C-alpha atoms as a PDB file:
ATOM      1  CA  UNK A   1       7.954 191.195 223.521  1.00  0.00           C
ATOM      2  CA  UNK A   2       9.726 194.317 222.425  1.00  0.00           C
ATOM      3  CA  UNK A   3      13.444 194.508 222.865  1.00  0.00           C
ATOM      4  CA  UNK A   4      14.620 196.952 225.526  1.00  0.00           C
ATOM      5  CA  UNK A   5      17.071 199.662 224.645  1.00  0.00           C
ATOM      6  CA  UNK A   6      20.269 200.030 226.645  1.00  0.00           C
ATOM      7  CA  UNK A   7      20.394 202.556 229.500  1.00  0.00           C
ATOM      8  CA  UNK A   8      21.270 206.110 228.523  1.00  0.00           C
ATOM      9  CA  UNK A   9      24.550 206.080 230.407  1.00  0.00           C
ATOM     10  CA  UNK A  10      25.751 203.117 228.369  1.00  0.00           C
ATOM     11  CA  UNK A  11      25.084 204.734 225.025  1.00  0.00           C
ATOM     12  CA  UNK A  12      27.417 207.081 223.252  1.00  0.00           C
ATOM     13  CA  UNK A  13      27.015 210.086 221.041  1.00  0.00           C
ATOM     14  CA  UNK A  14      28.348 209.465 217.560  1.00  0.00           C
ATOM     15  CA  UNK A  15      29.558 212.572 215.823  1.00  0.00           C
ATOM     16  CA  UNK A  16      30.842 212.804 212.291  1.00  0.00           C
ATOM     17  CA  UNK A  17      33.388 215.462 211.484  1.00  0.00           C
ATOM     18  CA  UNK A  18      34.226 214.713 207.866  1.00  0.00           C
ATOM     19  CA  UNK A  19      32.252 213.831 204.796  1.00  0.00           C
ATOM     20  CA  UNK A  20      32.477 210.330 203.389  1.00  0.00           C
ATOM     21  CA  UNK A  21      31.622 206.898 204.740  1.00  0.00           C
ATOM     22  CA  UNK A  22      29.732 208.012 207.827  1.00  0.00           C
ATOM     23  CA  UNK A  23      27.299 210.177 205.904  1.00  0.00           C
ATOM     24  CA  UNK A  24      25.944 207.442 203.676  1.00  0.00           C
ATOM     25  CA  UNK A  25      22.219 207.199 204.223  1.00  0.00           C
ATOM     26  CA  UNK A  26      21.788 210.619 205.781  1.00  0.00           C
ATOM     27  CA  UNK A  27      21.573 212.429 202.474  1.00  0.00           C
ATOM     28  CA  UNK A  28      18.315 210.559 201.873  1.00  0.00           C
ATOM     29  CA  UNK A  29      16.631 211.986 204.958  1.00  0.00           C
ATOM     30  CA  UNK A  30      13.497 213.934 204.214  1.00  0.00           C
ATOM     31  CA  UNK A  31      14.604 217.179 205.803  1.00  0.00           C
ATOM     32  CA  UNK A  32      11.593 219.030 204.444  1.00  0.00           C
ATOM     33  CA  UNK A  33       9.199 217.124 206.684  1.00  0.00           C
ATOM     34  CA  UNK A  34       8.008 219.078 209.724  1.00  0.00           C
ATOM     35  CA  UNK A  35      10.060 218.799 212.897  1.00  0.00           C
ATOM     36  CA  UNK A  36       6.945 217.896 214.862  1.00  0.00           C
ATOM     37  CA  UNK A  37       5.948 215.015 212.602  1.00  0.00           C
ATOM     38  CA  UNK A  38       5.078 211.643 214.097  1.00  0.00           C
ATOM     39  CA  UNK A  39       7.577 208.818 213.995  1.00  0.00           C
ATOM     40  CA  UNK A  40       7.350 205.086 213.454  1.00  0.00           C
ATOM     41  CA  UNK A  41      10.901 204.159 214.481  1.00  0.00           C
ATOM     42  CA  UNK A  42      11.071 200.567 215.740  1.00  0.00           C
ATOM     43  CA  UNK A  43      10.657 200.145 219.529  1.00  0.00           C
ATOM     44  CA  UNK A  44       9.566 203.788 219.942  1.00  0.00           C
ATOM     45  CA  UNK A  45       5.939 204.907 220.386  1.00  0.00           C
ATOM     46  CA  UNK A  46       4.788 207.728 218.138  1.00  0.00           C
ATOM     47  CA  UNK A  47       5.374 211.175 219.592  1.00  0.00           C
ATOM     48  CA  UNK A  48       4.719 214.720 218.497  1.00  0.00           C
ATOM     49  CA  UNK A  49       8.120 216.374 218.887  1.00  0.00           C
ATOM     50  CA  UNK A  50       6.532 219.807 219.150  1.00  0.00           C
ATOM     51  CA  UNK A  51       6.276 219.218 222.916  1.00  0.00           C
ATOM     52  CA  UNK A  52      10.043 219.810 223.033  1.00  0.00           C
ATOM     53  CA  UNK A  53      10.427 223.504 223.856  1.00  0.00           C
ATOM     54  CA  UNK A  54      13.454 225.212 222.357  1.00  0.00           C
ATOM     55  CA  UNK A  55      13.591 227.514 225.381  1.00  0.00           C
ATOM     56  CA  UNK A  56      13.778 224.519 227.716  1.00  0.00           C
ATOM     57  CA  UNK A  57      16.651 222.951 225.773  1.00  0.00           C
ATOM     58  CA  UNK A  58      18.559 226.219 225.518  1.00  0.00           C
ATOM     59  CA  UNK A  59      18.086 226.899 229.222  1.00  0.00           C
ATOM     60  CA  UNK A  60      19.790 223.602 230.086  1.00  0.00           C
ATOM     61  CA  UNK A  61      22.687 224.407 227.752  1.00  0.00           C
ATOM     62  CA  UNK A  62      23.016 227.976 229.056  1.00  0.00           C
ATOM     63  CA  UNK A  63      23.644 226.660 232.574  1.00  0.00           C
ATOM     64  CA  UNK A  64      26.805 224.908 231.362  1.00  0.00           C
ATOM     65  CA  UNK A  65      28.161 227.038 228.507  1.00  0.00           C
ATOM     66  CA  UNK A  66      27.155 230.630 227.911  1.00  0.00           C
ATOM     67  CA  UNK A  67      29.159 230.721 224.674  1.00  0.00           C
ATOM     68  CA  UNK A  68      27.254 227.723 223.328  1.00  0.00           C
ATOM     69  CA  UNK A  69      23.981 229.307 224.393  1.00  0.00           C
ATOM     70  CA  UNK A  70      24.849 232.507 222.507  1.00  0.00           C
ATOM     71  CA  UNK A  71      25.635 230.397 219.448  1.00  0.00           C
ATOM     72  CA  UNK A  72      22.202 228.730 219.629  1.00  0.00           C
ATOM     73  CA  UNK A  73      20.202 231.657 220.976  1.00  0.00           C
ATOM     74  CA  UNK A  74      18.536 232.594 217.677  1.00  0.00           C
ATOM     75  CA  UNK A  75      18.635 229.155 216.045  1.00  0.00           C
ATOM     76  CA  UNK A  76      15.307 227.351 215.704  1.00  0.00           C
ATOM     77  CA  UNK A  77      15.193 223.564 215.607  1.00  0.00           C
ATOM     78  CA  UNK A  78      13.470 223.470 212.219  1.00  0.00           C
ATOM     79  CA  UNK A  79      16.456 222.793 209.969  1.00  0.00           C
ATOM     80  CA  UNK A  80      16.605 226.379 208.693  1.00  0.00           C
ATOM     81  CA  UNK A  81      19.995 228.092 208.633  1.00  0.00           C
ATOM     82  CA  UNK A  82      20.607 231.026 210.937  1.00  0.00           C
ATOM     83  CA  UNK A  83      23.661 233.287 210.901  1.00  0.00           C
ATOM     84  CA  UNK A  84      25.261 232.870 214.313  1.00  0.00           C
ATOM     85  CA  UNK A  85      28.600 234.650 214.005  1.00  0.00           C
ATOM     86  CA  UNK A  86      30.523 237.074 211.799  1.00  0.00           C
ATOM     87  CA  UNK A  87      34.052 238.439 212.127  1.00  0.00           C
ATOM     88  CA  UNK A  88      36.328 240.678 210.071  1.00  0.00           C
ATOM     89  CA  UNK A  89      39.886 239.868 209.093  1.00  0.00           C
ATOM     90  CA  UNK A  90      41.280 242.721 207.045  1.00  0.00           C
ATOM     91  CA  UNK A  91      39.072 243.190 203.997  1.00  0.00           C
ATOM     92  CA  UNK A  92      37.463 239.773 204.365  1.00  0.00           C
ATOM     93  CA  UNK A  93      34.398 238.920 206.412  1.00  0.00           C
ATOM     94  CA  UNK A  94      33.927 235.441 207.877  1.00  0.00           C
ATOM     95  CA  UNK A  95      30.400 234.238 208.675  1.00  0.00           C
ATOM     96  CA  UNK A  96      29.026 231.060 210.216  1.00  0.00           C
ATOM     97  CA  UNK A  97      25.527 229.704 209.562  1.00  0.00           C
ATOM     98  CA  UNK A  98      24.056 226.961 211.722  1.00  0.00           C
ATOM     99  CA  UNK A  99      20.954 224.801 211.316  1.00  0.00           C
ATOM    100  CA  UNK A 100      19.566 222.371 213.899  1.00  0.00           C
ATOM    101  CA  UNK A 101      16.887 219.775 213.351  1.00  0.00           C
ATOM    102  CA  UNK A 102      15.272 217.419 215.866  1.00  0.00           C
ATOM    103  CA  UNK A 103      13.978 214.300 214.166  1.00  0.00           C
ATOM    104  CA  UNK A 104      13.759 210.552 214.686  1.00  0.00           C
ATOM    105  CA  UNK A 105      15.954 208.856 212.077  1.00  0.00           C
ATOM    106  CA  UNK A 106      17.104 205.451 213.250  1.00  0.00           C
ATOM    107  CA  UNK A 107      19.571 204.707 216.034  1.00  0.00           C
ATOM    108  CA  UNK A 108      22.253 207.361 215.754  1.00  0.00           C
ATOM    109  CA  UNK A 109      21.858 209.943 218.501  1.00  0.00           C
ATOM    110  CA  UNK A 110      23.218 212.884 216.568  1.00  0.00           C
ATOM    111  CA  UNK A 111      25.380 213.975 213.692  1.00  0.00           C
ATOM    112  CA  UNK A 112      27.161 217.241 212.922  1.00  0.00           C
ATOM    113  CA  UNK A 113      27.785 217.503 209.204  1.00  0.00           C
ATOM    114  CA  UNK A 114      31.195 218.889 208.307  1.00  0.00           C
ATOM    115  CA  UNK A 115      30.864 222.623 207.543  1.00  0.00           C
ATOM    116  CA  UNK A 116      30.520 223.563 203.897  1.00  0.00           C
ATOM    117  CA  UNK A 117      32.356 226.657 202.721  1.00  0.00           C
ATOM    118  CA  UNK A 118      31.336 229.196 200.112  1.00  0.00           C
ATOM    119  CA  UNK A 119      33.088 232.428 199.274  1.00  0.00           C
ATOM    120  CA  UNK A 120      32.473 235.530 197.246  1.00  0.00           C
ATOM    121  CA  UNK A 121      35.477 237.402 195.907  1.00  0.00           C
ATOM    122  CA  UNK A 122      33.255 240.312 194.939  1.00  0.00           C
ATOM    123  CA  UNK A 123      31.805 240.740 198.434  1.00  0.00           C
ATOM    124  CA  UNK A 124      35.012 239.518 200.101  1.00  0.00           C
ATOM    125  CA  UNK A 125      32.987 237.178 202.277  1.00  0.00           C
ATOM    126  CA  UNK A 126      33.515 233.552 203.318  1.00  0.00           C
ATOM    127  CA  UNK A 127      30.506 231.689 204.714  1.00  0.00           C
ATOM    128  CA  UNK A 128      30.646 228.368 206.582  1.00  0.00           C
ATOM    129  CA  UNK A 129      27.493 226.284 207.044  1.00  0.00           C
ATOM    130  CA  UNK A 130      27.035 223.574 209.668  1.00  0.00           C
ATOM    131  CA  UNK A 131      24.049 221.268 210.047  1.00  0.00           C
ATOM    132  CA  UNK A 132      23.217 219.326 213.217  1.00  0.00           C
ATOM    133  CA  UNK A 133      20.701 216.492 213.372  1.00  0.00           C
ATOM    134  CA  UNK A 134      19.447 215.448 216.807  1.00  0.00           C
ATOM    135  CA  UNK A 135      17.724 212.094 217.227  1.00  0.00           C
ATOM    136  CA  UNK A 136      16.085 211.539 220.658  1.00  0.00           C
ATOM    137  CA  UNK A 137      15.338 207.870 219.975  1.00  0.00           C
ATOM    138  CA  UNK A 138      16.335 206.891 223.540  1.00  0.00           C
ATOM    139  CA  UNK A 139      13.366 208.762 224.952  1.00  0.00           C
ATOM    140  CA  UNK A 140      11.860 205.627 226.521  1.00  0.00           C
ATOM    141  CA  UNK A 141      15.106 204.303 227.925  1.00  0.00           C
ATOM    142  CA  UNK A 142      14.393 202.919 231.417  1.00  0.00           C
ATOM    143  CA  UNK A 143      17.047 204.932 233.264  1.00  0.00           C
ATOM    144  CA  UNK A 144      15.885 208.155 231.622  1.00  0.00           C
ATOM    145  CA  UNK A 145      12.220 207.423 232.370  1.00  0.00           C
ATOM    146  CA  UNK A 146      13.053 206.823 236.035  1.00  0.00           C
ATOM    147  CA  UNK A 147      14.903 210.124 236.165  1.00  0.00           C
ATOM    148  CA  UNK A 148      12.258 212.174 234.343  1.00  0.00           C
ATOM    149  CA  UNK A 149       8.657 211.006 234.658  1.00  0.00           C
ATOM    150  CA  UNK A 150       7.485 214.129 232.844  1.00  0.00           C
ATOM    151  CA  UNK A 151       7.921 213.398 229.144  1.00  0.00           C
ATOM    152  CA  UNK A 152       8.490 217.053 228.255  1.00  0.00           C
ATOM    153  CA  UNK A 153      11.346 217.373 230.750  1.00  0.00           C
ATOM    154  CA  UNK A 154      12.742 214.060 229.532  1.00  0.00           C
ATOM    155  CA  UNK A 155      12.856 214.962 225.858  1.00  0.00           C
ATOM    156  CA  UNK A 156      14.270 218.421 226.557  1.00  0.00           C
ATOM    157  CA  UNK A 157      17.053 216.920 228.676  1.00  0.00           C
ATOM    158  CA  UNK A 158      17.872 214.312 226.021  1.00  0.00           C
ATOM    159  CA  UNK A 159      17.826 216.811 223.146  1.00  0.00           C
ATOM    160  CA  UNK A 160      20.016 219.194 225.174  1.00  0.00           C
ATOM    161  CA  UNK A 161      22.507 216.414 225.885  1.00  0.00           C
ATOM    162  CA  UNK A 162      22.830 215.359 222.255  1.00  0.00           C
ATOM    163  CA  UNK A 163      22.868 218.934 220.961  1.00  0.00           C
ATOM    164  CA  UNK A 164      25.522 219.902 223.510  1.00  0.00           C
ATOM    165  CA  UNK A 165      27.817 217.149 222.246  1.00  0.00           C
ATOM    166  CA  UNK A 166      27.344 218.029 218.581  1.00  0.00           C
ATOM    167  CA  UNK A 167      27.738 221.764 219.217  1.00  0.00           C
ATOM    168  CA  UNK A 168      31.141 221.095 220.763  1.00  0.00           C
ATOM    169  CA  UNK A 169      32.331 219.894 217.354  1.00  0.00           C
ATOM    170  CA  UNK A 170      30.882 222.976 215.684  1.00  0.00           C
ATOM    171  CA  UNK A 171      32.546 225.303 218.202  1.00  0.00           C
ATOM    172  CA  UNK A 172      35.907 223.591 217.766  1.00  0.00           C
ATOM    173  CA  UNK A 173      35.605 224.004 213.994  1.00  0.00           C
ATOM    174  CA  UNK A 174      34.648 227.629 214.506  1.00  0.00           C
ATOM    175  CA  UNK A 175      37.658 228.220 216.753  1.00  0.00           C
ATOM    176  CA  UNK A 176      40.034 226.673 214.227  1.00  0.00           C
ATOM    177  CA  UNK A 177      38.513 228.532 211.277  1.00  0.00           C
ATOM    178  CA  UNK A 178      37.706 232.057 212.434  1.00  0.00           C
ATOM    179  CA  UNK A 179      40.469 234.679 212.589  1.00  0.00           C
ATOM    180  CA  UNK A 180      42.443 235.305 215.805  1.00  0.00           C
ATOM    181  CA  UNK A 181      40.320 235.515 218.956  1.00  0.00           C
ATOM    182  CA  UNK A 182      36.936 235.598 217.186  1.00  0.00           C
ATOM    183  CA  UNK A 183      36.463 231.870 217.666  1.00  0.00           C
ATOM    184  CA  UNK A 184      37.913 231.638 221.176  1.00  0.00           C
ATOM    185  CA  UNK A 185      34.877 230.290 223.012  1.00  0.00           C
ATOM    186  CA  UNK A 186      35.040 228.577 226.397  1.00  0.00           C
ATOM    187  CA  UNK A 187      34.649 225.217 224.665  1.00  0.00           C
ATOM    188  CA  UNK A 188      37.428 225.850 222.151  1.00  0.00           C
ATOM    189  CA  UNK A 189      39.878 227.044 224.804  1.00  0.00           C
ATOM    190  CA  UNK A 190      39.253 223.931 226.904  1.00  0.00           C
ATOM    191  CA  UNK A 191      39.750 221.752 223.846  1.00  0.00           C
ATOM    192  CA  UNK A 192      43.008 223.541 223.007  1.00  0.00           C
ATOM    193  CA  UNK A 193      44.223 222.873 226.539  1.00  0.00           C
ATOM    194  CA  UNK A 194      43.590 219.145 226.121  1.00  0.00           C
ATOM    195  CA  UNK A 195      45.177 219.127 222.655  1.00  0.00           C
ATOM    196  CA  UNK A 196      48.263 220.943 223.969  1.00  0.00           C
ATOM    197  CA  UNK A 197      48.608 218.318 226.702  1.00  0.00           C
ATOM    198  CA  UNK A 198      48.160 215.528 224.145  1.00  0.00           C
ATOM    199  CA  UNK A 199      50.995 216.985 222.055  1.00  0.00           C
ATOM    200  CA  UNK A 200      53.290 217.856 224.962  1.00  0.00           C
ATOM    201  CA  UNK A 201      56.696 216.304 225.626  1.00  0.00           C
ATOM    202  CA  UNK A 202      55.304 214.623 228.737  1.00  0.00           C
ATOM    203  CA  UNK A 203      53.229 212.334 226.529  1.00  0.00           C
ATOM    204  CA  UNK A 204      55.687 211.884 223.673  1.00  0.00           C
ATOM    205  CA  UNK A 205      55.805 208.090 224.128  1.00  0.00           C
ATOM    206  CA  UNK A 206      52.018 207.671 224.119  1.00  0.00           C
ATOM    207  CA  UNK A 207      51.585 210.164 221.279  1.00  0.00           C
ATOM    208  CA  UNK A 208      54.185 208.497 219.077  1.00  0.00           C
ATOM    209  CA  UNK A 209      52.613 205.084 219.632  1.00  0.00           C
ATOM    210  CA  UNK A 210      49.163 206.337 218.600  1.00  0.00           C
ATOM    211  CA  UNK A 211      50.551 208.164 215.558  1.00  0.00           C
ATOM    212  CA  UNK A 212      52.573 205.101 214.554  1.00  0.00           C
ATOM    213  CA  UNK A 213      49.390 203.014 214.534  1.00  0.00           C
ATOM    214  CA  UNK A 214      47.566 205.741 212.619  1.00  0.00           C
ATOM    215  CA  UNK A 215      50.410 205.832 210.087  1.00  0.00           C
ATOM    216  CA  UNK A 216      50.100 202.093 209.507  1.00  0.00           C
ATOM    217  CA  UNK A 217      46.333 202.408 209.064  1.00  0.00           C
ATOM    218  CA  UNK A 218      46.791 205.347 206.682  1.00  0.00           C
ATOM    219  CA  UNK A 219      49.117 203.161 204.594  1.00  0.00           C
ATOM    220  CA  UNK A 220      46.610 200.295 204.688  1.00  0.00           C
ATOM    221  CA  UNK A 221      43.880 202.620 203.429  1.00  0.00           C
ATOM    222  CA  UNK A 222      45.909 204.557 200.870  1.00  0.00           C
ATOM    223  CA  UNK A 223      44.913 204.435 197.232  1.00  0.00           C
ATOM    224  CA  UNK A 224      48.561 204.305 196.201  1.00  0.00           C
ATOM    225  CA  UNK A 225      48.834 207.765 194.680  1.00  0.00           C
ATOM    226  CA  UNK A 226      49.162 209.782 197.915  1.00  0.00           C
ATOM    227  CA  UNK A 227      52.466 211.456 198.707  1.00  0.00           C
ATOM    228  CA  UNK A 228      54.227 210.929 202.019  1.00  0.00           C
ATOM    229  CA  UNK A 229      53.323 214.494 203.000  1.00  0.00           C
ATOM    230  CA  UNK A 230      49.644 213.792 202.342  1.00  0.00           C
ATOM    231  CA  UNK A 231      49.786 210.732 204.579  1.00  0.00           C
ATOM    232  CA  UNK A 232      51.522 212.697 207.346  1.00  0.00           C
ATOM    233  CA  UNK A 233      48.772 215.317 207.178  1.00  0.00           C
ATOM    234  CA  UNK A 234      46.126 212.589 207.330  1.00  0.00           C
ATOM    235  CA  UNK A 235      47.737 211.112 210.441  1.00  0.00           C
ATOM    236  CA  UNK A 236      47.778 214.512 212.156  1.00  0.00           C
ATOM    237  CA  UNK A 237      44.153 215.111 211.188  1.00  0.00           C
ATOM    238  CA  UNK A 238      43.131 211.716 212.585  1.00  0.00           C
ATOM    239  CA  UNK A 239      45.108 212.313 215.766  1.00  0.00           C
ATOM    240  CA  UNK A 240      43.332 215.619 216.337  1.00  0.00           C
ATOM    241  CA  UNK A 241      40.003 213.909 215.602  1.00  0.00           C
ATOM    242  CA  UNK A 242      40.725 211.403 218.394  1.00  0.00           C
ATOM    243  CA  UNK A 243      41.488 214.205 220.865  1.00  0.00           C
ATOM    244  CA  UNK A 244      38.396 216.080 219.676  1.00  0.00           C
ATOM    245  CA  UNK A 245      36.214 213.071 220.476  1.00  0.00           C
ATOM    246  CA  UNK A 246      37.928 212.541 223.818  1.00  0.00           C
ATOM    247  CA  UNK A 247      37.155 216.118 224.825  1.00  0.00           C
ATOM    248  CA  UNK A 248      33.603 216.119 223.405  1.00  0.00           C
ATOM    249  CA  UNK A 249      32.577 212.922 225.164  1.00  0.00           C
ATOM    250  CA  UNK A 250      34.307 213.857 228.408  1.00  0.00           C
ATOM    251  CA  UNK A 251      32.762 217.336 228.529  1.00  0.00           C
ATOM    252  CA  UNK A 252      29.278 216.036 227.739  1.00  0.00           C
ATOM    253  CA  UNK A 253      29.655 213.268 230.311  1.00  0.00           C
ATOM    254  CA  UNK A 254      30.660 215.742 233.013  1.00  0.00           C
ATOM    255  CA  UNK A 255      27.805 218.130 232.262  1.00  0.00           C
ATOM    256  CA  UNK A 256      25.062 215.495 231.993  1.00  0.00           C
ATOM    257  CA  UNK A 257      26.416 213.027 234.551  1.00  0.00           C
ATOM    258  CA  UNK A 258      26.991 210.225 232.049  1.00  0.00           C
ATOM    259  CA  UNK A 259      30.758 209.593 231.946  1.00  0.00           C
ATOM    260  CA  UNK A 260      32.261 207.006 229.613  1.00  0.00           C
ATOM    261  CA  UNK A 261      35.325 204.909 230.376  1.00  0.00           C
ATOM    262  CA  UNK A 262      38.466 205.551 228.347  1.00  0.00           C
ATOM    263  CA  UNK A 263      38.544 201.893 227.349  1.00  0.00           C
ATOM    264  CA  UNK A 264      35.136 202.219 225.704  1.00  0.00           C
ATOM    265  CA  UNK A 265      36.008 205.509 224.017  1.00  0.00           C
ATOM    266  CA  UNK A 266      39.292 204.097 222.733  1.00  0.00           C
ATOM    267  CA  UNK A 267      37.665 201.003 221.199  1.00  0.00           C
ATOM    268  CA  UNK A 268      34.960 203.014 219.505  1.00  0.00           C
ATOM    269  CA  UNK A 269      37.063 205.824 218.079  1.00  0.00           C
ATOM    270  CA  UNK A 270      40.013 203.649 217.115  1.00  0.00           C
ATOM    271  CA  UNK A 271      37.650 201.831 214.771  1.00  0.00           C
ATOM    272  CA  UNK A 272      36.175 205.079 213.424  1.00  0.00           C
ATOM    273  CA  UNK A 273      39.659 206.537 212.864  1.00  0.00           C
ATOM    274  CA  UNK A 274      40.703 203.360 211.046  1.00  0.00           C
ATOM    275  CA  UNK A 275      37.729 203.660 208.700  1.00  0.00           C
ATOM    276  CA  UNK A 276      38.453 207.351 208.171  1.00  0.00           C
ATOM    277  CA  UNK A 277      42.028 206.368 207.279  1.00  0.00           C
ATOM    278  CA  UNK A 278      40.684 204.422 204.311  1.00  0.00           C
ATOM    279  CA  UNK A 279      39.893 200.961 205.608  1.00  0.00           C
ATOM    280  CA  UNK A 280      41.674 197.811 204.437  1.00  0.00           C
ATOM    281  CA  UNK A 281      42.267 198.638 200.767  1.00  0.00           C
ATOM    282  CA  UNK A 282      45.923 197.530 200.780  1.00  0.00           C
ATOM    283  CA  UNK A 283      45.841 194.711 203.329  1.00  0.00           C
ATOM    284  CA  UNK A 284      43.785 191.744 204.486  1.00  0.00           C
ATOM    285  CA  UNK A 285      40.884 192.437 206.811  1.00  0.00           C
ATOM    286  CA  UNK A 286      42.426 190.315 209.566  1.00  0.00           C
ATOM    287  CA  UNK A 287      45.700 192.287 209.570  1.00  0.00           C
ATOM    288  CA  UNK A 288      43.701 195.528 209.521  1.00  0.00           C
ATOM    289  CA  UNK A 289      41.644 194.431 212.537  1.00  0.00           C
ATOM    290  CA  UNK A 290      44.795 193.552 214.482  1.00  0.00           C
ATOM    291  CA  UNK A 291      46.181 197.036 213.841  1.00  0.00           C
ATOM    292  CA  UNK A 292      42.889 198.611 214.918  1.00  0.00           C
ATOM    293  CA  UNK A 293      43.110 196.714 218.219  1.00  0.00           C
ATOM    294  CA  UNK A 294      46.681 197.929 218.686  1.00  0.00           C
ATOM    295  CA  UNK A 295      45.529 201.488 218.064  1.00  0.00           C
ATOM    296  CA  UNK A 296      42.764 201.007 220.625  1.00  0.00           C
ATOM    297  CA  UNK A 297      45.284 199.887 223.261  1.00  0.00           C
ATOM    298  CA  UNK A 298      47.628 202.786 222.489  1.00  0.00           C
ATOM    299  CA  UNK A 299      44.748 205.248 222.477  1.00  0.00           C
ATOM    300  CA  UNK A 300      43.483 204.111 225.860  1.00  0.00           C
ATOM    301  CA  UNK A 301      46.964 204.637 227.323  1.00  0.00           C
ATOM    302  CA  UNK A 302      47.055 208.142 225.827  1.00  0.00           C
ATOM    303  CA  UNK A 303      43.582 208.997 227.148  1.00  0.00           C
ATOM    304  CA  UNK A 304      44.519 207.754 230.628  1.00  0.00           C
ATOM    305  CA  UNK A 305      47.677 209.875 230.678  1.00  0.00           C
ATOM    306  CA  UNK A 306      45.779 212.955 229.483  1.00  0.00           C
ATOM    307  CA  UNK A 307      43.373 212.517 232.400  1.00  0.00           C
ATOM    308  CA  UNK A 308      46.274 212.161 234.831  1.00  0.00           C
ATOM    309  CA  UNK A 309      47.861 215.409 233.663  1.00  0.00           C
ATOM    310  CA  UNK A 310      44.543 217.268 233.698  1.00  0.00           C
ATOM    311  CA  UNK A 311      43.922 216.193 237.301  1.00  0.00           C
ATOM    312  CA  UNK A 312      47.186 217.735 238.521  1.00  0.00           C
ATOM    313  CA  UNK A 313      46.637 221.074 236.763  1.00  0.00           C
END
């Protein structure tokens, strides 16, 4: 008897924002194979993905974020890069290219590869490239089948849900990278609001506790040659990553009616942040795991307080 997959609402989108550990294995994907190719992923019947209409997916996204829709409007889901935004800052031009591919590739719902940057001093142009992989492997999940008997509607909903989550990360990167108001999308402004709350004086106790745990984990994962300033910057980067994931999961859950508890988010992303910090290079695995659990507890308290402050706004 084949093993059943967990219900859709109990699964989580996993998004990678930096190169390194979490990208191992994905570089070996055959991205030149056609998007509509058949799959032989375990527990999943073969399916021609060409039944997934780009217009159907984009229509779902448009209903919840017009800025995200405009970003995806001319992007095809074939893995080919499309220029989605350009902006001028003095003599320099900033451009953003985006590629999206829908493909079965194991049991990770989606991944947004950290944007690569290239620049030309002669043309005075900086180009950022982001790549999103969407994996609708949960297509035959029982709760999703009950909700959408029509397989075309089901796959379009699932692809839209995963793509929405991954595009949030892209839009946050765009907002942080592009000059002035050029990257101020609805998504980025909402994220900034949550980040401002997370760094406000009202949450100084919760913030300091999370950053203290991140500092310990950064020390545990340090190679030994990093300066104190480098470690401080790593802690701030990890802290923002944790708020990024809080917002991305919360926004996707609200839009697609699949909310996740803060306790579950905290456990998952505390572990990911700990690995991003460098793992247990300088300490025993047991001590490292204890510190990860402490980070998870502190992170849940921070997430709960963020929600409380957002509710009263």
